[in-house]
PDB file of N, CA and C in Angstrom:
ATOM      1  N   UNK A   1     -10.234 -19.001   2.938  1.00  0.00           N
ATOM      2  CA  UNK A   1      -9.269 -18.442   1.521  1.00  0.00           C
ATOM      3  C   UNK A   1      -7.941 -18.034   2.123  1.00  0.00           C
ATOM      4  N   UNK A   2      -6.705 -17.492   0.740  1.00  0.00           N
ATOM      5  CA  UNK A   2      -5.774 -17.135   1.165  1.00  0.00           C
ATOM      6  C   UNK A   2      -5.759 -16.216  -0.064  1.00  0.00           C
ATOM      7  N   UNK A   3      -4.241 -15.290   0.514  1.00  0.00           N
ATOM      8  CA  UNK A   3      -4.023 -14.592  -0.346  1.00  0.00           C
ATOM      9  C   UNK A   3      -3.306 -15.305  -2.092  1.00  0.00           C
ATOM     10  N   UNK A   4      -4.533 -14.160  -2.850  1.00  0.00           N
ATOM     11  CA  UNK A   4      -4.524 -12.791  -3.053  1.00  0.00           C
ATOM     12  C   UNK A   4      -6.359 -13.132  -3.103  1.00  0.00           C
ATOM     13  N   UNK A   5      -6.932 -14.015  -2.863  1.00  0.00           N
ATOM     14  CA  UNK A   5      -8.444 -14.435  -2.699  1.00  0.00           C
ATOM     15  C   UNK A   5      -9.127 -13.386  -1.722  1.00  0.00           C
ATOM     16  N   UNK A   6      -8.003 -13.023  -0.305  1.00  0.00           N
ATOM     17  CA  UNK A   6      -8.050 -12.962   0.511  1.00  0.00           C
ATOM     18  C   UNK A   6      -7.630 -11.741   1.151  1.00  0.00           C
ATOM     19  N   UNK A   7      -7.361 -10.626   1.778  1.00  0.00           N
ATOM     20  CA  UNK A   7      -6.516  -9.751   2.390  1.00  0.00           C
ATOM     21  C   UNK A   7      -5.588 -10.438   3.220  1.00  0.00           C
ATOM     22  N   UNK A   8      -3.836  -9.797   3.114  1.00  0.00           N
ATOM     23  CA  UNK A   8      -2.906 -10.871   3.289  1.00  0.00           C
ATOM     24  C   UNK A   8      -2.416  -9.774   4.671  1.00  0.00           C
ATOM     25  N   UNK A   9      -1.385 -10.615   5.192  1.00  0.00           N
ATOM     26  CA  UNK A   9      -0.909 -10.604   6.503  1.00  0.00           C
ATOM     27  C   UNK A   9       0.379 -11.322   6.778  1.00  0.00           C
ATOM     28  N   UNK A  10       0.815 -10.575   7.758  1.00  0.00           N
ATOM     29  CA  UNK A  10       2.522 -11.808   7.642  1.00  0.00           C
ATOM     30  C   UNK A  10       2.634 -12.098   8.979  1.00  0.00           C
ATOM     31  N   UNK A  11       1.964 -12.375   9.769  1.00  0.00           N
ATOM     32  CA  UNK A  11       1.821 -12.806  11.385  1.00  0.00           C
ATOM     33  C   UNK A  11       0.865 -13.308  11.630  1.00  0.00           C
ATOM     34  N   UNK A  12       0.491 -14.307  12.666  1.00  0.00           N
ATOM     35  CA  UNK A  12      -0.797 -14.474  13.139  1.00  0.00           C
ATOM     36  C   UNK A  12      -0.743 -13.363  14.538  1.00  0.00           C
ATOM     37  N   UNK A  13      -2.196 -13.182  14.843  1.00  0.00           N
ATOM     38  CA  UNK A  13      -1.934 -12.064  15.787  1.00  0.00           C
ATOM     39  C   UNK A  13      -2.981 -10.903  15.477  1.00  0.00           C
ATOM     40  N   UNK A  14      -2.611  -9.851  15.941  1.00  0.00           N
ATOM     41  CA  UNK A  14      -3.985  -8.959  15.191  1.00  0.00           C
ATOM     42  C   UNK A  14      -3.634  -8.567  14.117  1.00  0.00           C
ATOM     43  N   UNK A  15      -2.611  -8.866  13.162  1.00  0.00           N
ATOM     44  CA  UNK A  15      -2.624  -8.677  11.767  1.00  0.00           C
ATOM     45  C   UNK A  15      -3.526  -9.327  11.483  1.00  0.00           C
ATOM     46  N   UNK A  16      -3.551 -10.982  11.265  1.00  0.00           N
ATOM     47  CA  UNK A  16      -4.494 -11.853  11.118  1.00  0.00           C
ATOM     48  C   UNK A  16      -6.162 -11.107  11.334  1.00  0.00           C
ATOM     49  N   UNK A  17      -5.922 -11.010  12.564  1.00  0.00           N
ATOM     50  CA  UNK A  17      -7.424 -10.957  13.188  1.00  0.00           C
ATOM     51  C   UNK A  17      -7.955  -9.787  11.840  1.00  0.00           C
ATOM     52  N   UNK A  18      -7.231  -8.637  11.840  1.00  0.00           N
ATOM     53  CA  UNK A  18      -8.182  -7.209  10.918  1.00  0.00           C
ATOM     54  C   UNK A  18      -8.146  -7.412   9.711  1.00  0.00           C
ATOM     55  N   UNK A  19      -7.347  -8.750   9.029  1.00  0.00           N
ATOM     56  CA  UNK A  19      -7.426  -9.373   7.339  1.00  0.00           C
ATOM     57  C   UNK A  19      -8.616 -10.073   7.376  1.00  0.00           C
ATOM     58  N   UNK A  20      -8.959 -10.901   8.318  1.00  0.00           N
ATOM     59  CA  UNK A  20      -9.955 -11.197   8.706  1.00  0.00           C
ATOM     60  C   UNK A  20     -11.398 -10.604   8.818  1.00  0.00           C
ATOM     61  N   UNK A  21     -11.513  -9.664   9.478  1.00  0.00           N
ATOM     62  CA  UNK A  21     -12.292  -8.616   9.254  1.00  0.00           C
ATOM     63  C   UNK A  21     -12.531  -7.735   8.334  1.00  0.00           C
ATOM     64  N   UNK A  22     -11.817  -7.685   7.353  1.00  0.00           N
ATOM     65  CA  UNK A  22     -11.739  -6.616   6.419  1.00  0.00           C
ATOM     66  C   UNK A  22     -12.080  -7.676   4.773  1.00  0.00           C
ATOM     67  N   UNK A  23     -12.288  -9.412   4.969  1.00  0.00           N
ATOM     68  CA  UNK A  23     -12.612 -10.217   3.851  1.00  0.00           C
ATOM     69  C   UNK A  23     -13.768  -9.671   3.167  1.00  0.00           C
ATOM     70  N   UNK A  24     -14.668  -9.218   3.507  1.00  0.00           N
ATOM     71  CA  UNK A  24     -15.923  -9.016   2.787  1.00  0.00           C
ATOM     72  C   UNK A  24     -15.774  -7.721   2.545  1.00  0.00           C
ATOM     73  N   UNK A  25     -15.233  -6.911   2.889  1.00  0.00           N
ATOM     74  CA  UNK A  25     -15.144  -5.094   2.461  1.00  0.00           C
ATOM     75  C   UNK A  25     -14.252  -5.382   1.248  1.00  0.00           C
ATOM     76  N   UNK A  26     -12.602  -5.950   1.602  1.00  0.00           N
ATOM     77  CA  UNK A  26     -11.998  -6.335   0.435  1.00  0.00           C
ATOM     78  C   UNK A  26     -12.936  -6.968  -0.662  1.00  0.00           C
ATOM     79  N   UNK A  27     -13.355  -8.075  -0.521  1.00  0.00           N
ATOM     80  CA  UNK A  27     -14.350  -8.366  -1.553  1.00  0.00           C
ATOM     81  C   UNK A  27     -15.284  -7.790  -2.877  1.00  0.00           C
ATOM     82  N   UNK A  28     -15.867  -6.670  -1.962  1.00  0.00           N
ATOM     83  CA  UNK A  28     -16.742  -5.488  -2.605  1.00  0.00           C
ATOM     84  C   UNK A  28     -15.830  -4.853  -3.368  1.00  0.00           C
ATOM     85  N   UNK A  29     -15.030  -4.438  -2.649  1.00  0.00           N
ATOM     86  CA  UNK A  29     -13.672  -3.366  -3.234  1.00  0.00           C
ATOM     87  C   UNK A  29     -12.945  -3.677  -4.667  1.00  0.00           C
ATOM     88  N   UNK A  30     -12.699  -5.097  -4.084  1.00  0.00           N
ATOM     89  CA  UNK A  30     -12.113  -5.458  -5.570  1.00  0.00           C
ATOM     90  C   UNK A  30     -13.057  -5.870  -6.733  1.00  0.00           C
ATOM     91  N   UNK A  31     -14.338  -6.322  -6.390  1.00  0.00           N
ATOM     92  CA  UNK A  31     -15.556  -5.974  -7.513  1.00  0.00           C
ATOM     93  C   UNK A  31     -15.699  -4.748  -7.830  1.00  0.00           C
ATOM     94  N   UNK A  32     -15.464  -3.828  -7.523  1.00  0.00           N
ATOM     95  CA  UNK A  32     -16.164  -2.358  -7.765  1.00  0.00           C
ATOM     96  C   UNK A  32     -14.966  -2.162  -8.332  1.00  0.00           C
ATOM     97  N   UNK A  33     -13.849  -2.316  -8.443  1.00  0.00           N
ATOM     98  CA  UNK A  33     -12.688  -1.955  -9.528  1.00  0.00           C
ATOM     99  C   UNK A  33     -12.323  -2.362 -10.095  1.00  0.00           C
ATOM    100  N   UNK A  34     -12.352  -3.687 -10.390  1.00  0.00           N
ATOM    101  CA  UNK A  34     -12.590  -4.593 -11.411  1.00  0.00           C
ATOM    102  C   UNK A  34     -14.068  -4.340 -12.510  1.00  0.00           C
ATOM    103  N   UNK A  35     -14.820  -3.866 -11.522  1.00  0.00           N
ATOM    104  CA  UNK A  35     -16.175  -3.783 -12.906  1.00  0.00           C
ATOM    105  C   UNK A  35     -15.568  -2.376 -13.311  1.00  0.00           C
ATOM    106  N   UNK A  36     -15.034  -1.152 -12.839  1.00  0.00           N
ATOM    107  CA  UNK A  36     -14.739   0.229 -13.673  1.00  0.00           C
ATOM    108  C   UNK A  36     -13.649  -0.335 -14.540  1.00  0.00           C
ATOM    109  N   UNK A  37     -12.582  -0.832 -14.544  1.00  0.00           N
ATOM    110  CA  UNK A  37     -11.849  -1.346 -15.649  1.00  0.00           C
ATOM    111  C   UNK A  37     -12.041  -1.916 -15.947  1.00  0.00           C
ATOM    112  N   UNK A  38     -13.261  -2.614 -16.250  1.00  0.00           N
ATOM    113  CA  UNK A  38     -13.589  -3.245 -17.329  1.00  0.00           C
ATOM    114  C   UNK A  38     -14.097  -2.460 -17.974  1.00  0.00           C
ATOM    115  N   UNK A  39     -15.265  -1.162 -17.496  1.00  0.00           N
ATOM    116  CA  UNK A  39     -16.071  -0.264 -18.245  1.00  0.00           C
ATOM    117  C   UNK A  39     -14.956   0.321 -18.405  1.00  0.00           C
ATOM    118  N   UNK A  40     -13.970   0.591 -18.721  1.00  0.00           N
ATOM    119  CA  UNK A  40     -13.438   1.759 -18.731  1.00  0.00           C
ATOM    120  C   UNK A  40     -12.547   0.903 -20.155  1.00  0.00           C
ATOM    121  N   UNK A  41     -12.177  -0.003 -20.075  1.00  0.00           N
ATOM    122  CA  UNK A  41     -11.240  -0.818 -21.247  1.00  0.00           C
ATOM    123  C   UNK A  41     -10.988  -0.201 -22.625  1.00  0.00           C
ATOM    124  N   UNK A  42      -9.825  -0.258 -23.577  1.00  0.00           N
ATOM    125  CA  UNK A  42      -8.572  -0.392 -22.690  1.00  0.00           C
ATOM    126  C   UNK A  42      -8.352   1.307 -21.897  1.00  0.00           C
ATOM    127  N   UNK A  43      -8.512   1.876 -21.249  1.00  0.00           N
ATOM    128  CA  UNK A  43      -7.790   2.911 -20.472  1.00  0.00           C
ATOM    129  C   UNK A  43      -7.437   2.651 -20.001  1.00  0.00           C
ATOM    130  N   UNK A  44      -6.383   2.928 -18.823  1.00  0.00           N
ATOM    131  CA  UNK A  44      -5.904   2.208 -17.773  1.00  0.00           C
ATOM    132  C   UNK A  44      -5.846   3.901 -17.007  1.00  0.00           C
ATOM    133  N   UNK A  45      -5.398   3.397 -15.570  1.00  0.00           N
ATOM    134  CA  UNK A  45      -5.599   4.377 -14.252  1.00  0.00           C
ATOM    135  C   UNK A  45      -4.700   3.841 -13.037  1.00  0.00           C
ATOM    136  N   UNK A  46      -4.211   4.398 -12.331  1.00  0.00           N
ATOM    137  CA  UNK A  46      -3.148   4.416 -11.221  1.00  0.00           C
ATOM    138  C   UNK A  46      -4.475   3.968  -9.913  1.00  0.00           C
ATOM    139  N   UNK A  47      -3.807   3.192  -9.179  1.00  0.00           N
ATOM    140  CA  UNK A  47      -5.093   2.618  -7.902  1.00  0.00           C
ATOM    141  C   UNK A  47      -5.981   3.951  -7.247  1.00  0.00           C
ATOM    142  N   UNK A  48      -5.203   5.276  -7.008  1.00  0.00           N
ATOM    143  CA  UNK A  48      -5.764   6.259  -6.393  1.00  0.00           C
ATOM    144  C   UNK A  48      -6.559   6.716  -7.652  1.00  0.00           C
ATOM    145  N   UNK A  49      -6.313   6.997  -8.922  1.00  0.00           N
ATOM    146  CA  UNK A  49      -7.144   7.534  -9.703  1.00  0.00           C
ATOM    147  C   UNK A  49      -8.116   6.735  -9.572  1.00  0.00           C
ATOM    148  N   UNK A  50      -8.721   5.409  -9.350  1.00  0.00           N
ATOM    149  CA  UNK A  50      -9.646   4.553  -9.257  1.00  0.00           C
ATOM    150  C   UNK A  50     -10.296   4.805  -8.181  1.00  0.00           C
ATOM    151  N   UNK A  51      -9.394   4.761  -7.414  1.00  0.00           N
ATOM    152  CA  UNK A  51     -10.077   5.426  -5.920  1.00  0.00           C
ATOM    153  C   UNK A  51     -11.298   6.941  -6.057  1.00  0.00           C
ATOM    154  N   UNK A  52     -10.544   7.888  -6.452  1.00  0.00           N
ATOM    155  CA  UNK A  52     -11.097   8.548  -6.535  1.00  0.00           C
ATOM    156  C   UNK A  52     -12.745   8.706  -7.636  1.00  0.00           C
ATOM    157  N   UNK A  53     -12.698   7.825  -8.785  1.00  0.00           N
ATOM    158  CA  UNK A  53     -13.337   7.804  -9.232  1.00  0.00           C
ATOM    159  C   UNK A  53     -14.922   7.129  -8.938  1.00  0.00           C
ATOM    160  N   UNK A  54     -14.057   6.046  -8.179  1.00  0.00           N
ATOM    161  CA  UNK A  54     -15.144   5.502  -7.388  1.00  0.00           C
ATOM    162  C   UNK A  54     -15.654   5.509  -5.801  1.00  0.00           C
ATOM    163  N   UNK A  55     -15.339   7.091  -5.479  1.00  0.00           N
ATOM    164  CA  UNK A  55     -15.474   7.608  -4.520  1.00  0.00           C
ATOM    165  C   UNK A  55     -15.077   6.875  -2.903  1.00  0.00           C
ATOM    166  N   UNK A  56     -13.852   6.094  -2.879  1.00  0.00           N
ATOM    167  CA  UNK A  56     -13.363   5.379  -1.947  1.00  0.00           C
ATOM    168  C   UNK A  56     -12.123   5.851  -1.406  1.00  0.00           C
ATOM    169  N   UNK A  57     -11.337   5.241  -0.239  1.00  0.00           N
ATOM    170  CA  UNK A  57     -10.445   5.584  -0.264  1.00  0.00           C
ATOM    171  C   UNK A  57      -9.363   4.973  -0.853  1.00  0.00           C
ATOM    172  N   UNK A  58      -7.872   5.759  -1.333  1.00  0.00           N
ATOM    173  CA  UNK A  58      -6.577   4.687  -1.913  1.00  0.00           C
ATOM    174  C   UNK A  58      -6.214   3.680  -1.559  1.00  0.00           C
ATOM    175  N   UNK A  59      -6.055   4.205   0.118  1.00  0.00           N
ATOM    176  CA  UNK A  59      -5.394   2.755   0.924  1.00  0.00           C
ATOM    177  C   UNK A  59      -6.351   1.364   0.712  1.00  0.00           C
ATOM    178  N   UNK A  60      -8.088   1.618   0.441  1.00  0.00           N
ATOM    179  CA  UNK A  60      -8.356   0.752   0.200  1.00  0.00           C
ATOM    180  C   UNK A  60      -8.292  -0.204  -1.178  1.00  0.00           C
ATOM    181  N   UNK A  61      -7.820   0.799  -2.096  1.00  0.00           N
ATOM    182  CA  UNK A  61      -8.117   0.253  -3.283  1.00  0.00           C
ATOM    183  C   UNK A  61      -7.022  -0.047  -3.947  1.00  0.00           C
ATOM    184  N   UNK A  62      -5.442   0.492  -3.473  1.00  0.00           N
ATOM    185  CA  UNK A  62      -4.168  -0.251  -3.542  1.00  0.00           C
ATOM    186  C   UNK A  62      -4.055  -1.479  -3.793  1.00  0.00           C
ATOM    187  N   UNK A  63      -4.490  -2.249  -2.314  1.00  0.00           N
ATOM    188  CA  UNK A  63      -4.297  -3.127  -2.613  1.00  0.00           C
ATOM    189  C   UNK A  63      -5.430  -4.648  -3.021  1.00  0.00           C
ATOM    190  N   UNK A  64      -6.103  -3.927  -3.292  1.00  0.00           N
ATOM    191  CA  UNK A  64      -7.095  -4.778  -4.145  1.00  0.00           C
ATOM    192  C   UNK A  64      -6.736  -4.809  -5.748  1.00  0.00           C
ATOM    193  N   UNK A  65      -6.138  -3.846  -6.089  1.00  0.00           N
ATOM    194  CA  UNK A  65      -5.172  -3.371  -7.140  1.00  0.00           C
ATOM    195  C   UNK A  65      -4.109  -4.831  -7.424  1.00  0.00           C
ATOM    196  N   UNK A  66      -3.365  -4.919  -6.135  1.00  0.00           N
ATOM    197  CA  UNK A  66      -1.843  -5.733  -5.976  1.00  0.00           C
ATOM    198  C   UNK A  66      -2.832  -7.486  -6.186  1.00  0.00           C
ATOM    199  N   UNK A  67      -3.806  -7.401  -5.639  1.00  0.00           N
ATOM    200  CA  UNK A  67      -4.995  -8.852  -5.377  1.00  0.00           C
ATOM    201  C   UNK A  67      -5.070  -9.125  -6.921  1.00  0.00           C
ATOM    202  N   UNK A  68      -6.047  -8.277  -7.218  1.00  0.00           N
ATOM    203  CA  UNK A  68      -6.206  -8.596  -9.027  1.00  0.00           C
ATOM    204  C   UNK A  68      -5.125  -8.993 -10.129  1.00  0.00           C
ATOM    205  N   UNK A  69      -4.196  -8.095  -9.819  1.00  0.00           N
ATOM    206  CA  UNK A  69      -2.993  -8.846 -10.832  1.00  0.00           C
ATOM    207  C   UNK A  69      -2.745  -9.545 -10.448  1.00  0.00           C
ATOM    208  N   UNK A  70      -2.552 -10.447  -9.287  1.00  0.00           N
ATOM    209  CA  UNK A  70      -1.843 -11.387  -9.011  1.00  0.00           C
ATOM    210  C   UNK A  70      -2.729 -12.878  -9.086  1.00  0.00           C
ATOM    211  N   UNK A  71      -4.144 -12.191  -9.072  1.00  0.00           N
ATOM    212  CA  UNK A  71      -5.488 -13.249  -9.645  1.00  0.00           C
ATOM    213  C   UNK A  71      -5.721 -13.232 -11.364  1.00  0.00           C
ATOM    214  N   UNK A  72      -4.949 -12.547 -12.046  1.00  0.00           N
ATOM    215  CA  UNK A  72      -4.458 -12.591 -13.583  1.00  0.00           C
ATOM    216  C   UNK A  72      -5.973 -11.525 -14.157  1.00  0.00           C
ATOM    217  N   UNK A  73      -6.229 -10.607 -13.070  1.00  0.00           N
ATOM    218  CA  UNK A  73      -7.536 -10.072 -14.133  1.00  0.00           C
ATOM    219  C   UNK A  73      -7.011  -8.431 -14.296  1.00  0.00           C
ATOM    220  N   UNK A  74      -6.273  -8.005 -13.399  1.00  0.00           N
ATOM    221  CA  UNK A  74      -5.477  -6.763 -14.662  1.00  0.00           C
ATOM    222  C   UNK A  74      -4.046  -6.655 -14.646  1.00  0.00           C
ATOM    223  N   UNK A  75      -3.589  -5.952 -15.586  1.00  0.00           N
ATOM    224  CA  UNK A  75      -2.255  -5.829 -15.894  1.00  0.00           C
ATOM    225  C   UNK A  75      -1.945  -4.431 -15.956  1.00  0.00           C
ATOM    226  N   UNK A  76      -0.366  -4.559 -16.132  1.00  0.00           N
ATOM    227  CA  UNK A  76       0.445  -2.894 -16.203  1.00  0.00           C
ATOM    228  C   UNK A  76       0.307  -2.798 -17.584  1.00  0.00           C
ATOM    229  N   UNK A  77      -0.241  -1.658 -17.683  1.00  0.00           N
ATOM    230  CA  UNK A  77      -0.145  -1.033 -19.505  1.00  0.00           C
ATOM    231  C   UNK A  77       1.206  -0.358 -19.952  1.00  0.00           C
ATOM    232  N   UNK A  78       2.013  -0.054 -18.695  1.00  0.00           N
ATOM    233  CA  UNK A  78       3.289   0.272 -19.164  1.00  0.00           C
ATOM    234  C   UNK A  78       3.405   1.809 -19.019  1.00  0.00           C
ATOM    235  N   UNK A  79       2.503   2.568 -18.561  1.00  0.00           N
ATOM    236  CA  UNK A  79       2.329   3.742 -18.581  1.00  0.00           C
ATOM    237  C   UNK A  79       2.503   4.330 -17.016  1.00  0.00           C
ATOM    238  N   UNK A  80       2.793   5.260 -16.732  1.00  0.00           N
ATOM    239  CA  UNK A  80       3.134   6.085 -14.571  1.00  0.00           C
ATOM    240  C   UNK A  80       2.400   7.207 -15.245  1.00  0.00           C
ATOM    241  N   UNK A  81       1.582   7.535 -13.901  1.00  0.00           N
ATOM    242  CA  UNK A  81       0.902   8.684 -13.714  1.00  0.00           C
ATOM    243  C   UNK A  81       1.172   9.289 -11.881  1.00  0.00           C
ATOM    244  N   UNK A  82       0.770  10.686 -11.629  1.00  0.00           N
ATOM    245  CA  UNK A  82       1.475  10.732 -10.341  1.00  0.00           C
ATOM    246  C   UNK A  82       0.134   9.967  -9.386  1.00  0.00           C
ATOM    247  N   UNK A  83       0.561   9.725  -8.465  1.00  0.00           N
ATOM    248  CA  UNK A  83      -0.856   9.251  -7.914  1.00  0.00           C
ATOM    249  C   UNK A  83      -0.868  10.550  -6.573  1.00  0.00           C
ATOM    250  N   UNK A  84      -1.025   9.922  -5.327  1.00  0.00           N
ATOM    251  CA  UNK A  84      -1.813  11.152  -4.427  1.00  0.00           C
ATOM    252  C   UNK A  84      -0.870  11.569  -3.373  1.00  0.00           C
ATOM    253  N   UNK A  85      -0.052  11.096  -3.116  1.00  0.00           N
ATOM    254  CA  UNK A  85       1.490  11.864  -3.086  1.00  0.00           C
ATOM    255  C   UNK A  85       2.351  12.504  -3.935  1.00  0.00           C
ATOM    256  N   UNK A  86       1.788  12.637  -5.073  1.00  0.00           N
ATOM    257  CA  UNK A  86       2.818  13.036  -6.163  1.00  0.00           C
ATOM    258  C   UNK A  86       3.721  12.583  -6.822  1.00  0.00           C
ATOM    259  N   UNK A  87       4.300  10.976  -6.353  1.00  0.00           N
ATOM    260  CA  UNK A  87       5.171   9.715  -6.754  1.00  0.00           C
ATOM    261  C   UNK A  87       4.390   9.477  -8.227  1.00  0.00           C
ATOM    262  N   UNK A  88       5.152   8.862  -8.985  1.00  0.00           N
ATOM    263  CA  UNK A  88       5.016   8.036 -10.019  1.00  0.00           C
ATOM    264  C   UNK A  88       4.215   6.488  -9.627  1.00  0.00           C
ATOM    265  N   UNK A  89       3.540   6.693 -10.456  1.00  0.00           N
ATOM    266  CA  UNK A  89       2.780   5.273  -9.730  1.00  0.00           C
ATOM    267  C   UNK A  89       2.110   4.255 -11.408  1.00  0.00           C
ATOM    268  N   UNK A  90       2.445   2.558 -11.123  1.00  0.00           N
ATOM    269  CA  UNK A  90       1.911   2.125 -12.520  1.00  0.00           C
ATOM    270  C   UNK A  90       0.223   2.325 -12.955  1.00  0.00           C
ATOM    271  N   UNK A  91       0.116   2.543 -13.854  1.00  0.00           N
ATOM    272  CA  UNK A  91      -1.154   2.588 -14.423  1.00  0.00           C
ATOM    273  C   UNK A  91      -2.063   1.219 -14.662  1.00  0.00           C
ATOM    274  N   UNK A  92      -3.342   0.780 -14.294  1.00  0.00           N
ATOM    275  CA  UNK A  92      -3.404  -0.466 -14.733  1.00  0.00           C
ATOM    276  C   UNK A  92      -5.151  -0.608 -15.716  1.00  0.00           C
ATOM    277  N   UNK A  93      -4.768  -1.731 -16.089  1.00  0.00           N
ATOM    278  CA  UNK A  93      -6.187  -1.661 -16.896  1.00  0.00           C
ATOM    279  C   UNK A  93      -6.517  -2.922 -16.965  1.00  0.00           C
ATOM    280  N   UNK A  94      -7.781  -3.792 -17.005  1.00  0.00           N
ATOM    281  CA  UNK A  94      -8.850  -4.838 -16.853  1.00  0.00           C
ATOM    282  C   UNK A  94      -7.646  -5.726 -17.806  1.00  0.00           C
ATOM    283  N   UNK A  95      -7.185  -6.896 -18.085  1.00  0.00           N
ATOM    284  CA  UNK A  95      -7.082  -8.165 -18.511  1.00  0.00           C
ATOM    285  C   UNK A  95      -7.434  -7.740 -19.597  1.00  0.00           C
ATOM    286  N   UNK A  96      -6.737  -8.040 -21.064  1.00  0.00           N
ATOM    287  CA  UNK A  96      -7.451  -8.381 -22.592  1.00  0.00           C
ATOM    288  C   UNK A  96      -8.907  -8.999 -22.337  1.00  0.00           C
ATOM    289  N   UNK A  97      -9.679  -8.422 -23.006  1.00  0.00           N
ATOM    290  CA  UNK A  97     -10.546  -8.504 -23.029  1.00  0.00           C
ATOM    291  C   UNK A  97     -11.149  -8.467 -24.278  1.00  0.00           C
ATOM    292  N   UNK A  98     -11.685 -10.292 -24.307  1.00  0.00           N
ATOM    293  CA  UNK A  98     -11.671 -10.960 -26.214  1.00  0.00           C
ATOM    294  C   UNK A  98     -13.429 -10.493 -26.111  1.00  0.00           C
ATOM    295  N   UNK A  99     -13.251 -11.040 -27.376  1.00  0.00           N
ATOM    296  CA  UNK A  99     -14.942 -10.291 -28.448  1.00  0.00           C
ATOM    297  C   UNK A  99     -16.226 -11.182 -27.347  1.00  0.00           C
ATOM    298  N   UNK A 100     -16.205 -12.260 -26.932  1.00  0.00           N
ATOM    299  CA  UNK A 100     -16.506 -12.799 -25.851  1.00  0.00           C
ATOM    300  C   UNK A 100     -16.791 -12.831 -24.510  1.00  0.00           C
ATOM    301  N   UNK A 101     -16.342 -11.710 -24.449  1.00  0.00           N
ATOM    302  CA  UNK A 101     -16.505 -11.029 -22.793  1.00  0.00           C
ATOM    303  C   UNK A 101     -15.058 -11.294 -21.947  1.00  0.00           C
ATOM    304  N   UNK A 102     -14.904 -10.726 -21.089  1.00  0.00           N
ATOM    305  CA  UNK A 102     -13.876 -10.818 -19.823  1.00  0.00           C
ATOM    306  C   UNK A 102     -13.464 -12.009 -20.002  1.00  0.00           C
ATOM    307  N   UNK A 103     -12.319 -11.829 -19.624  1.00  0.00           N
ATOM    308  CA  UNK A 103     -10.857 -13.563 -19.577  1.00  0.00           C
ATOM    309  C   UNK A 103     -11.556 -13.748 -18.018  1.00  0.00           C
TER     310      UNK A 103
END
């Protein structure tokens, strides 16, 4: 698998080894984030807000939201809220959900 289906890395060596070790955990976090956003649709949240609600580190959630965005599973809703550091962050929601279920 390659990014965004698994954690990315910039260079072979320690970075790629760390990404490989993180693959299973990243898959689990990605699934939890997507399930949460789908259950809350059409509401949107910053990655830090998602992390808070799922009781996991925002450092694990932020890259998973980026991966889900590249996979077309989540989309920005055009609003921004403050994140953990007090900076403005994009709010995300599950991609449009049709009457037949998630796309």
